[in-house]
C-alpha atoms as a PDB file:
ATOM      1  CA  MET A   1      -0.012   0.001  -0.014  1.00  0.00           C
ATOM      2  CA  LEU A   2       1.279   3.452  -0.963  1.00  0.00           C
ATOM      3  CA  LYS A   3       0.602   6.515   1.130  1.00  0.00           C
ATOM      4  CA  LEU A   4       1.694  10.016   0.250  1.00  0.00           C
ATOM      5  CA  TYR A   5       1.774  12.702   2.913  1.00  0.00           C
ATOM      6  CA  HIS A   6       1.564  16.003   1.056  1.00  0.00           C
ATOM      7  CA  ALA A   7       0.356  19.567   0.981  1.00  0.00           C
ATOM      8  CA  GLU A   8      -1.234  21.524  -1.907  1.00  0.00           C
ATOM      9  CA  PRO A   9      -0.505  20.334  -5.476  1.00  0.00           C
ATOM     10  CA  VAL A  10       2.314  22.810  -6.016  1.00  0.00           C
ATOM     11  CA  ALA A  11       6.107  22.726  -5.754  1.00  0.00           C
ATOM     12  CA  ASN A  12       7.477  19.733  -3.831  1.00  0.00           C
ATOM     13  CA  SER A  13       4.115  18.067  -3.219  1.00  0.00           C
ATOM     14  CA  LEU A  14       3.147  18.406  -6.900  1.00  0.00           C
ATOM     15  CA  LYS A  15       6.505  16.962  -7.872  1.00  0.00           C
ATOM     16  CA  SER A  16       5.680  13.610  -6.292  1.00  0.00           C
ATOM     17  CA  LEU A  17       1.913  13.691  -6.917  1.00  0.00           C
ATOM     18  CA  ILE A  18       2.489  13.837 -10.663  1.00  0.00           C
ATOM     19  CA  PRO A  19       4.471  10.574 -10.960  1.00  0.00           C
ATOM     20  CA  LEU A  20       1.908   8.685  -8.868  1.00  0.00           C
ATOM     21  CA  HIS A  21      -0.850   9.757 -11.231  1.00  0.00           C
ATOM     22  CA  GLU A  22       1.247   9.434 -14.412  1.00  0.00           C
ATOM     23  CA  LYS A  23       2.194   5.891 -13.485  1.00  0.00           C
ATOM     24  CA  GLY A  24      -1.377   5.022 -12.573  1.00  0.00           C
ATOM     25  CA  LEU A  25      -0.433   3.916  -9.039  1.00  0.00           C
ATOM     26  CA  GLN A  26      -3.129   3.625  -6.398  1.00  0.00           C
ATOM     27  CA  PHE A  27      -2.206   5.543  -3.280  1.00  0.00           C
ATOM     28  CA  GLU A  28      -3.743   6.958  -0.124  1.00  0.00           C
ATOM     29  CA  SER A  29      -3.586  10.750  -0.120  1.00  0.00           C
ATOM     30  CA  ILE A  30      -2.890  12.166   3.336  1.00  0.00           C
ATOM     31  CA  TYR A  31      -3.079  15.956   3.450  1.00  0.00           C
ATOM     32  CA  VAL A  32      -0.719  17.806   5.758  1.00  0.00           C
ATOM     33  CA  ASP A  33      -1.862  21.349   6.461  1.00  0.00           C
ATOM     34  CA  LEU A  34       1.229  23.534   6.269  1.00  0.00           C
ATOM     35  CA  HIS A  35      -0.858  26.601   7.166  1.00  0.00           C
ATOM     36  CA  LYS A  36      -1.533  24.994  10.530  1.00  0.00           C
ATOM     37  CA  PHE A  37       2.133  23.842  10.836  1.00  0.00           C
ATOM     38  CA  GLU A  38       1.067  20.170  10.967  1.00  0.00           C
ATOM     39  CA  GLN A  39       4.426  19.210   9.449  1.00  0.00           C
ATOM     40  CA  HIS A  40       6.081  20.156  12.733  1.00  0.00           C
ATOM     41  CA  GLN A  41       3.612  18.298  14.982  1.00  0.00           C
ATOM     42  CA  PRO A  42       4.867  15.189  16.827  1.00  0.00           C
ATOM     43  CA  TRP A  43       2.604  12.868  14.842  1.00  0.00           C
ATOM     44  CA  PHE A  44       4.264  13.984  11.611  1.00  0.00           C
ATOM     45  CA  THR A  45       7.860  14.271  12.828  1.00  0.00           C
ATOM     46  CA  ALA A  46       7.496  10.684  14.043  1.00  0.00           C
ATOM     47  CA  ILE A  47       7.131   9.820  10.320  1.00  0.00           C
ATOM     48  CA  ASN A  48       9.691  12.322   9.001  1.00  0.00           C
ATOM     49  CA  PRO A  49      12.021  13.793  11.681  1.00  0.00           C
ATOM     50  CA  GLU A  50      12.935  16.609   9.257  1.00  0.00           C
ATOM     51  CA  GLY A  51       9.312  17.877   9.377  1.00  0.00           C
ATOM     52  CA  GLN A  52       8.914  18.311   5.656  1.00  0.00           C
ATOM     53  CA  VAL A  53       6.525  17.064   2.994  1.00  0.00           C
ATOM     54  CA  PRO A  54       6.049  15.092   0.892  1.00  0.00           C
ATOM     55  CA  VAL A  55       6.727  11.721   2.436  1.00  0.00           C
ATOM     56  CA  LEU A  56       6.084   8.374   0.737  1.00  0.00           C
ATOM     57  CA  ASP A  57       5.121   5.377   2.879  1.00  0.00           C
ATOM     58  CA  HIS A  58       5.343   2.076   0.987  1.00  0.00           C
ATOM     59  CA  ASP A  59       4.147  -0.704   3.216  1.00  0.00           C
ATOM     60  CA  GLY A  60       5.903   0.974   6.155  1.00  0.00           C
ATOM     61  CA  PHE A  61       9.090   1.874   4.309  1.00  0.00           C
ATOM     62  CA  ILE A  62       9.506   5.672   4.509  1.00  0.00           C
ATOM     63  CA  VAL A  63      11.023   7.626   1.610  1.00  0.00           C
ATOM     64  CA  THR A  64      11.699  11.372   1.826  1.00  0.00           C
ATOM     65  CA  HIS A  65      12.969  14.073  -0.558  1.00  0.00           C
ATOM     66  CA  THR A  66      11.146  14.336  -3.870  1.00  0.00           C
ATOM     67  CA  THR A  67      13.909  13.354  -6.269  1.00  0.00           C
ATOM     68  CA  VAL A  68      14.532  10.212  -4.196  1.00  0.00           C
ATOM     69  CA  ILE A  69      10.832   9.459  -3.919  1.00  0.00           C
ATOM     70  CA  ASN A  70      10.325   9.751  -7.664  1.00  0.00           C
ATOM     71  CA  GLU A  71      13.256   7.482  -8.501  1.00  0.00           C
ATOM     72  CA  TYR A  72      12.048   5.024  -5.866  1.00  0.00           C
ATOM     73  CA  LEU A  73       8.699   4.796  -7.644  1.00  0.00           C
ATOM     74  CA  GLU A  74      10.543   3.968 -10.893  1.00  0.00           C
ATOM     75  CA  ASP A  75      12.501   1.215  -9.156  1.00  0.00           C
ATOM     76  CA  ALA A  76       9.625  -0.186  -7.114  1.00  0.00           C
ATOM     77  CA  PHE A  77       7.099  -0.273  -9.942  1.00  0.00           C
ATOM     78  CA  PRO A  78       8.950  -1.220 -13.149  1.00  0.00           C
ATOM     79  CA  ASP A  79       5.793  -2.426 -14.842  1.00  0.00           C
ATOM     80  CA  ALA A  80       4.054   0.942 -14.531  1.00  0.00           C
ATOM     81  CA  PRO A  81       4.440   3.510 -17.342  1.00  0.00           C
ATOM     82  CA  PRO A  82       8.023   4.722 -17.062  1.00  0.00           C
ATOM     83  CA  LEU A  83       9.117   8.288 -16.373  1.00  0.00           C
ATOM     84  CA  ARG A  84      12.794   7.740 -17.066  1.00  0.00           C
ATOM     85  CA  PRO A  85      14.514   6.372 -20.174  1.00  0.00           C
ATOM     86  CA  ASN A  86      15.972   3.346 -18.337  1.00  0.00           C
ATOM     87  CA  GLU A  87      19.084   3.308 -20.453  1.00  0.00           C
ATOM     88  CA  PRO A  88      22.406   4.787 -19.306  1.00  0.00           C
ATOM     89  CA  LYS A  89      22.628   7.854 -21.537  1.00  0.00           C
ATOM     90  CA  GLY A  90      18.995   8.831 -21.134  1.00  0.00           C
ATOM     91  CA  ASN A  91      19.099   8.332 -17.391  1.00  0.00           C
ATOM     92  CA  ALA A  92      22.239  10.454 -17.189  1.00  0.00           C
ATOM     93  CA  ARG A  93      20.558  13.277 -19.137  1.00  0.00           C
ATOM     94  CA  MET A  94      17.524  13.099 -16.864  1.00  0.00           C
ATOM     95  CA  ARG A  95      19.632  13.090 -13.692  1.00  0.00           C
ATOM     96  CA  TYR A  96      21.712  15.977 -14.964  1.00  0.00           C
ATOM     97  CA  TRP A  97      18.554  18.098 -15.324  1.00  0.00           C
ATOM     98  CA  ASN A  98      17.245  16.991 -11.921  1.00  0.00           C
ATOM     99  CA  LYS A  99      20.531  17.958 -10.313  1.00  0.00           C
ATOM    100  CA  PHE A 100      20.455  21.343 -12.091  1.00  0.00           C
ATOM    101  CA  ILE A 101      16.841  22.021 -11.003  1.00  0.00           C
ATOM    102  CA  ASP A 102      17.371  20.828  -7.440  1.00  0.00           C
ATOM    103  CA  GLU A 103      20.545  22.928  -6.965  1.00  0.00           C
ATOM    104  CA  HIS A 104      20.082  25.948  -9.226  1.00  0.00           C
ATOM    105  CA  VAL A 105      16.338  26.505  -9.602  1.00  0.00           C
ATOM    106  CA  MET A 106      14.193  25.181  -6.773  1.00  0.00           C
ATOM    107  CA  ASN A 107      15.587  27.235  -3.895  1.00  0.00           C
ATOM    108  CA  TYR A 108      15.527  30.465  -5.894  1.00  0.00           C
ATOM    109  CA  VAL A 109      11.945  30.163  -7.001  1.00  0.00           C
ATOM    110  CA  SER A 110      11.195  29.147  -3.424  1.00  0.00           C
ATOM    111  CA  MET A 111      12.844  32.307  -2.103  1.00  0.00           C
ATOM    112  CA  HIS A 112      10.483  34.499  -4.125  1.00  0.00           C
ATOM    113  CA  GLY A 113       7.519  32.384  -3.040  1.00  0.00           C
ATOM    114  CA  TRP A 114       8.494  32.627   0.585  1.00  0.00           C
ATOM    115  CA  HIS A 115       9.135  36.351   0.309  1.00  0.00           C
ATOM    116  CA  ARG A 116       5.724  37.015  -1.246  1.00  0.00           C
ATOM    117  CA  MET A 117       3.496  34.332   0.290  1.00  0.00           C
ATOM    118  CA  VAL A 118       5.018  32.808   3.437  1.00  0.00           C
ATOM    119  CA  GLY A 119       6.110  36.228   4.592  1.00  0.00           C
ATOM    120  CA  VAL A 120       2.476  37.340   4.624  1.00  0.00           C
ATOM    121  CA  ILE A 121       1.606  34.287   6.766  1.00  0.00           C
ATOM    122  CA  ALA A 122       4.576  34.782   9.089  1.00  0.00           C
ATOM    123  CA  ARG A 123       3.893  38.466   9.680  1.00  0.00           C
ATOM    124  CA  GLY A 124       0.275  37.664  10.534  1.00  0.00           C
ATOM    125  CA  ILE A 125       1.324  35.602  13.558  1.00  0.00           C
ATOM    126  CA  ASP A 126       1.810  37.287  16.933  1.00  0.00           C
ATOM    127  CA  SER A 127       5.465  37.479  18.017  1.00  0.00           C
ATOM    128  CA  GLY A 128       5.203  35.101  20.968  1.00  0.00           C
ATOM    129  CA  GLU A 129       3.237  32.511  18.981  1.00  0.00           C
ATOM    130  CA  PHE A 130       5.644  32.824  16.049  1.00  0.00           C
ATOM    131  CA  GLU A 131       8.670  32.146  18.276  1.00  0.00           C
ATOM    132  CA  THR A 132       6.992  29.078  19.698  1.00  0.00           C
ATOM    133  CA  LEU A 133       6.138  27.758  16.229  1.00  0.00           C
ATOM    134  CA  VAL A 134       9.681  28.361  14.968  1.00  0.00           C
ATOM    135  CA  GLU A 135      11.195  26.504  17.944  1.00  0.00           C
ATOM    136  CA  ARG A 136       9.204  23.396  16.873  1.00  0.00           C
ATOM    137  CA  ILE A 137      10.820  23.307  13.395  1.00  0.00           C
ATOM    138  CA  PRO A 138      13.348  20.433  13.354  1.00  0.00           C
ATOM    139  CA  LEU A 139      15.753  21.799  10.726  1.00  0.00           C
ATOM    140  CA  HIS A 140      17.911  24.834  11.561  1.00  0.00           C
ATOM    141  CA  GLU A 141      17.827  26.046   7.963  1.00  0.00           C
ATOM    142  CA  GLN A 142      14.002  26.007   7.954  1.00  0.00           C
ATOM    143  CA  ARG A 143      13.867  27.912  11.226  1.00  0.00           C
ATOM    144  CA  GLU A 144      16.115  30.603   9.754  1.00  0.00           C
ATOM    145  CA  LYS A 145      14.072  30.679   6.564  1.00  0.00           C
ATOM    146  CA  TRP A 146      10.882  31.342   8.529  1.00  0.00           C
ATOM    147  CA  LYS A 147      12.579  34.148  10.444  1.00  0.00           C
ATOM    148  CA  THR A 148      13.872  35.690   7.210  1.00  0.00           C
ATOM    149  CA  ALA A 149      10.439  35.418   5.580  1.00  0.00           C
ATOM    150  CA  ARG A 150       8.929  37.275   8.493  1.00  0.00           C
ATOM    151  CA  SER A 151      11.406  40.167   8.180  1.00  0.00           C
ATOM    152  CA  GLY A 152      11.768  39.986   4.391  1.00  0.00           C
ATOM    153  CA  PHE A 153      14.554  38.722   2.123  1.00  0.00           C
ATOM    154  CA  SER A 154      17.144  41.289   1.066  1.00  0.00           C
ATOM    155  CA  GLU A 155      16.879  42.994  -2.278  1.00  0.00           C
ATOM    156  CA  ALA A 156      20.319  41.607  -3.184  1.00  0.00           C
ATOM    157  CA  ASP A 157      19.268  38.038  -2.458  1.00  0.00           C
ATOM    158  CA  LEU A 158      16.015  38.458  -4.397  1.00  0.00           C
ATOM    159  CA  ALA A 159      17.881  39.972  -7.364  1.00  0.00           C
ATOM    160  CA  ASN A 160      20.347  37.098  -7.391  1.00  0.00           C
ATOM    161  CA  ALA A 161      17.471  34.609  -7.220  1.00  0.00           C
ATOM    162  CA  THR A 162      15.807  36.331 -10.208  1.00  0.00           C
ATOM    163  CA  ARG A 163      19.071  36.105 -12.146  1.00  0.00           C
ATOM    164  CA  LYS A 164      19.323  32.378 -11.420  1.00  0.00           C
ATOM    165  CA  ILE A 165      15.740  31.856 -12.653  1.00  0.00           C
ATOM    166  CA  GLU A 166      16.484  33.824 -15.831  1.00  0.00           C
ATOM    167  CA  VAL A 167      19.468  31.559 -16.472  1.00  0.00           C
ATOM    168  CA  ALA A 168      17.271  28.515 -15.956  1.00  0.00           C
ATOM    169  CA  VAL A 169      14.519  29.792 -18.265  1.00  0.00           C
ATOM    170  CA  ASP A 170      17.047  30.470 -21.001  1.00  0.00           C
ATOM    171  CA  LYS A 171      18.713  27.089 -20.478  1.00  0.00           C
ATOM    172  CA  VAL A 172      15.436  25.221 -20.742  1.00  0.00           C
ATOM    173  CA  GLU A 173      14.348  27.259 -23.779  1.00  0.00           C
ATOM    174  CA  ASP A 174      17.599  26.328 -25.489  1.00  0.00           C
ATOM    175  CA  GLN A 175      17.166  22.619 -24.691  1.00  0.00           C
ATOM    176  CA  LEU A 176      13.591  22.644 -26.004  1.00  0.00           C
ATOM    177  CA  SER A 177      14.925  23.964 -29.332  1.00  0.00           C
ATOM    178  CA  LYS A 178      16.758  20.609 -29.613  1.00  0.00           C
ATOM    179  CA  THR A 179      14.447  18.065 -27.996  1.00  0.00           C
ATOM    180  CA  PRO A 180      10.741  17.942 -27.238  1.00  0.00           C
ATOM    181  CA  TRP A 181      11.375  17.171 -23.548  1.00  0.00           C
ATOM    182  CA  LEU A 182      14.236  18.109 -21.237  1.00  0.00           C
ATOM    183  CA  ALA A 183      15.996  14.725 -21.316  1.00  0.00           C
ATOM    184  CA  GLY A 184      15.197  13.874 -24.957  1.00  0.00           C
ATOM    185  CA  ASP A 185      12.255  12.378 -26.751  1.00  0.00           C
ATOM    186  CA  MET A 186      10.233  11.207 -23.742  1.00  0.00           C
ATOM    187  CA  PHE A 187       8.529  12.918 -20.817  1.00  0.00           C
ATOM    188  CA  THR A 188      10.626  12.187 -17.748  1.00  0.00           C
ATOM    189  CA  LEU A 189      11.078  13.044 -14.080  1.00  0.00           C
ATOM    190  CA  ALA A 190      13.178  15.981 -15.236  1.00  0.00           C
ATOM    191  CA  ASP A 191      10.140  17.548 -16.879  1.00  0.00           C
ATOM    192  CA  VAL A 192       8.080  16.814 -13.746  1.00  0.00           C
ATOM    193  CA  ASN A 193      10.713  18.535 -11.580  1.00  0.00           C
ATOM    194  CA  PHE A 194      10.971  21.772 -13.600  1.00  0.00           C
ATOM    195  CA  PHE A 195       7.225  21.952 -14.145  1.00  0.00           C
ATOM    196  CA  ALA A 196       6.435  21.572 -10.441  1.00  0.00           C
ATOM    197  CA  HIS A 197       8.920  24.179  -9.287  1.00  0.00           C
ATOM    198  CA  CYS A 198       9.072  26.687 -12.120  1.00  0.00           C
ATOM    199  CA  GLY A 199       6.991  25.843 -15.162  1.00  0.00           C
ATOM    200  CA  MET A 200       3.580  27.137 -14.181  1.00  0.00           C
ATOM    201  CA  MET A 201       4.552  29.999 -11.934  1.00  0.00           C
ATOM    202  CA  VAL A 202       7.528  31.718 -13.590  1.00  0.00           C
ATOM    203  CA  ALA A 203       5.507  33.905 -16.005  1.00  0.00           C
ATOM    204  CA  ARG A 204       3.035  34.844 -13.287  1.00  0.00           C
ATOM    205  CA  MET A 205       5.685  35.637 -10.642  1.00  0.00           C
ATOM    206  CA  PHE A 206       8.033  37.475 -12.967  1.00  0.00           C
ATOM    207  CA  PRO A 207       6.011  39.488 -15.501  1.00  0.00           C
ATOM    208  CA  ASP A 208       8.998  41.720 -16.219  1.00  0.00           C
ATOM    209  CA  MET A 209      10.776  38.659 -17.628  1.00  0.00           C
ATOM    210  CA  ASP A 210       8.189  38.566 -20.442  1.00  0.00           C
ATOM    211  CA  VAL A 211       8.370  34.771 -20.640  1.00  0.00           C
ATOM    212  CA  PRO A 212       6.012  34.369 -23.634  1.00  0.00           C
ATOM    213  CA  LYS A 213       8.363  36.469 -25.735  1.00  0.00           C
ATOM    214  CA  ARG A 214      11.604  35.322 -24.133  1.00  0.00           C
ATOM    215  CA  ALA A 215      10.840  31.589 -24.058  1.00  0.00           C
ATOM    216  CA  PRO A 216       7.979  30.612 -26.410  1.00  0.00           C
ATOM    217  CA  ARG A 217       9.079  26.965 -26.463  1.00  0.00           C
ATOM    218  CA  LEU A 218       8.866  26.884 -22.715  1.00  0.00           C
ATOM    219  CA  VAL A 219       5.311  28.290 -22.837  1.00  0.00           C
ATOM    220  CA  ASP A 220       4.369  25.554 -25.335  1.00  0.00           C
ATOM    221  CA  TRP A 221       6.068  22.924 -23.131  1.00  0.00           C
ATOM    222  CA  VAL A 222       4.063  24.091 -20.095  1.00  0.00           C
ATOM    223  CA  GLU A 223       0.809  23.614 -21.944  1.00  0.00           C
ATOM    224  CA  ARG A 224       1.882  20.179 -23.176  1.00  0.00           C
ATOM    225  CA  VAL A 225       2.741  19.144 -19.638  1.00  0.00           C
ATOM    226  CA  ARG A 226      -0.490  20.611 -18.188  1.00  0.00           C
ATOM    227  CA  THR A 227      -2.676  18.623 -20.534  1.00  0.00           C
ATOM    228  CA  ARG A 228      -1.164  15.219 -19.768  1.00  0.00           C
ATOM    229  CA  PRO A 229      -3.873  13.211 -17.937  1.00  0.00           C
ATOM    230  CA  GLY A 230      -1.620  12.371 -14.972  1.00  0.00           C
ATOM    231  CA  VAL A 231      -0.527  15.971 -14.537  1.00  0.00           C
ATOM    232  CA  ALA A 232      -4.102  17.251 -14.844  1.00  0.00           C
ATOM    233  CA  ALA A 233      -5.182  14.747 -12.203  1.00  0.00           C
ATOM    234  CA  ALA A 234      -2.443  15.893  -9.825  1.00  0.00           C
ATOM    235  CA  LEU A 235      -3.307  19.556 -10.381  1.00  0.00           C
ATOM    236  CA  ALA A 236      -6.990  18.829  -9.702  1.00  0.00           C
ATOM    237  CA  MET A 237      -6.275  17.628  -6.161  1.00  0.00           C
ATOM    238  CA  PRO A 238      -7.652  19.835  -3.355  1.00  0.00           C
ATOM    239  CA  ASP A 239      -5.982  23.174  -2.824  1.00  0.00           C
ATOM    240  CA  HIS A 240      -6.502  24.775   0.562  1.00  0.00           C
ATOM    241  CA  THR A 241      -4.319  27.809  -0.107  1.00  0.00           C
ATOM    242  CA  ASN A 242      -5.860  31.162   0.786  1.00  0.00           C
ATOM    243  CA  PRO A 243      -7.269  32.384  -2.560  1.00  0.00           C
ATOM    244  CA  ALA A 244      -5.565  35.744  -2.050  1.00  0.00           C
ATOM    245  CA  LEU A 245      -2.193  33.998  -2.059  1.00  0.00           C
ATOM    246  CA  ARG A 246      -2.681  31.568  -4.951  1.00  0.00           C
ATOM    247  CA  THR A 247      -1.331  34.012  -7.531  1.00  0.00           C
ATOM    248  CA  PHE A 248       2.095  33.563  -5.974  1.00  0.00           C
ATOM    249  CA  THR A 249       2.028  29.804  -6.472  1.00  0.00           C
ATOM    250  CA  GLY A 250       0.901  29.833 -10.080  1.00  0.00           C
ATOM    251  CA  HIS A 251      -1.980  27.578  -9.150  1.00  0.00           C
ATOM    252  CA  ALA A 252      -4.820  30.064  -9.217  1.00  0.00           C
ATOM    253  CA  ARG A 253      -8.205  28.379  -9.693  1.00  0.00           C
END
């Protein structure tokens, strides 16, 4: 039996919801309300001591971190529709893109999201309550990130994050001029990764970048990804985000 502990179908949670739907795997969806800080409650940290979603539970075997979860699904369910080439060169291309996205894209898109959305949430919490909530966060880096979101990220850090995202957009646009998908001729976990973290939201979050003009192949790729049945099913899962904040996630409905 598969269980996925997850939040809204955006970013990290979306990244692992998509493969489950694309591969046609039956799973129990267990929603973790990040707005209520359930990911830091004892019941959840007993499952994942790092206090982060998503988490995959496969018959009691716990898998964390989205790139690991997604490759685990490929290994554990080889008869389901594949999301990696399963030959050395193709797998290497896919893993190259995943490494690039994990290290040079995800955190920089996340910084803008935290600055614009999580900062609103953090500043809405009374000081005493906020300090108590932060103390419950298991990871030092996440505690510091919450504190920074409350006060606001520096203009220099935000400008550098924007530059990194521009580099990524241009890099993906160039790749899509050569191949229909990031790792070649098939839709893979690399496409899932970039779509979940950047694909839908970059044009909405960065209008000055003029993505439709700057990266028309990327815009076409986003639409091709969105219309895949598995992706559409993942995106259709419940979204409890405050409607006023959804514009920052790119998942306005």
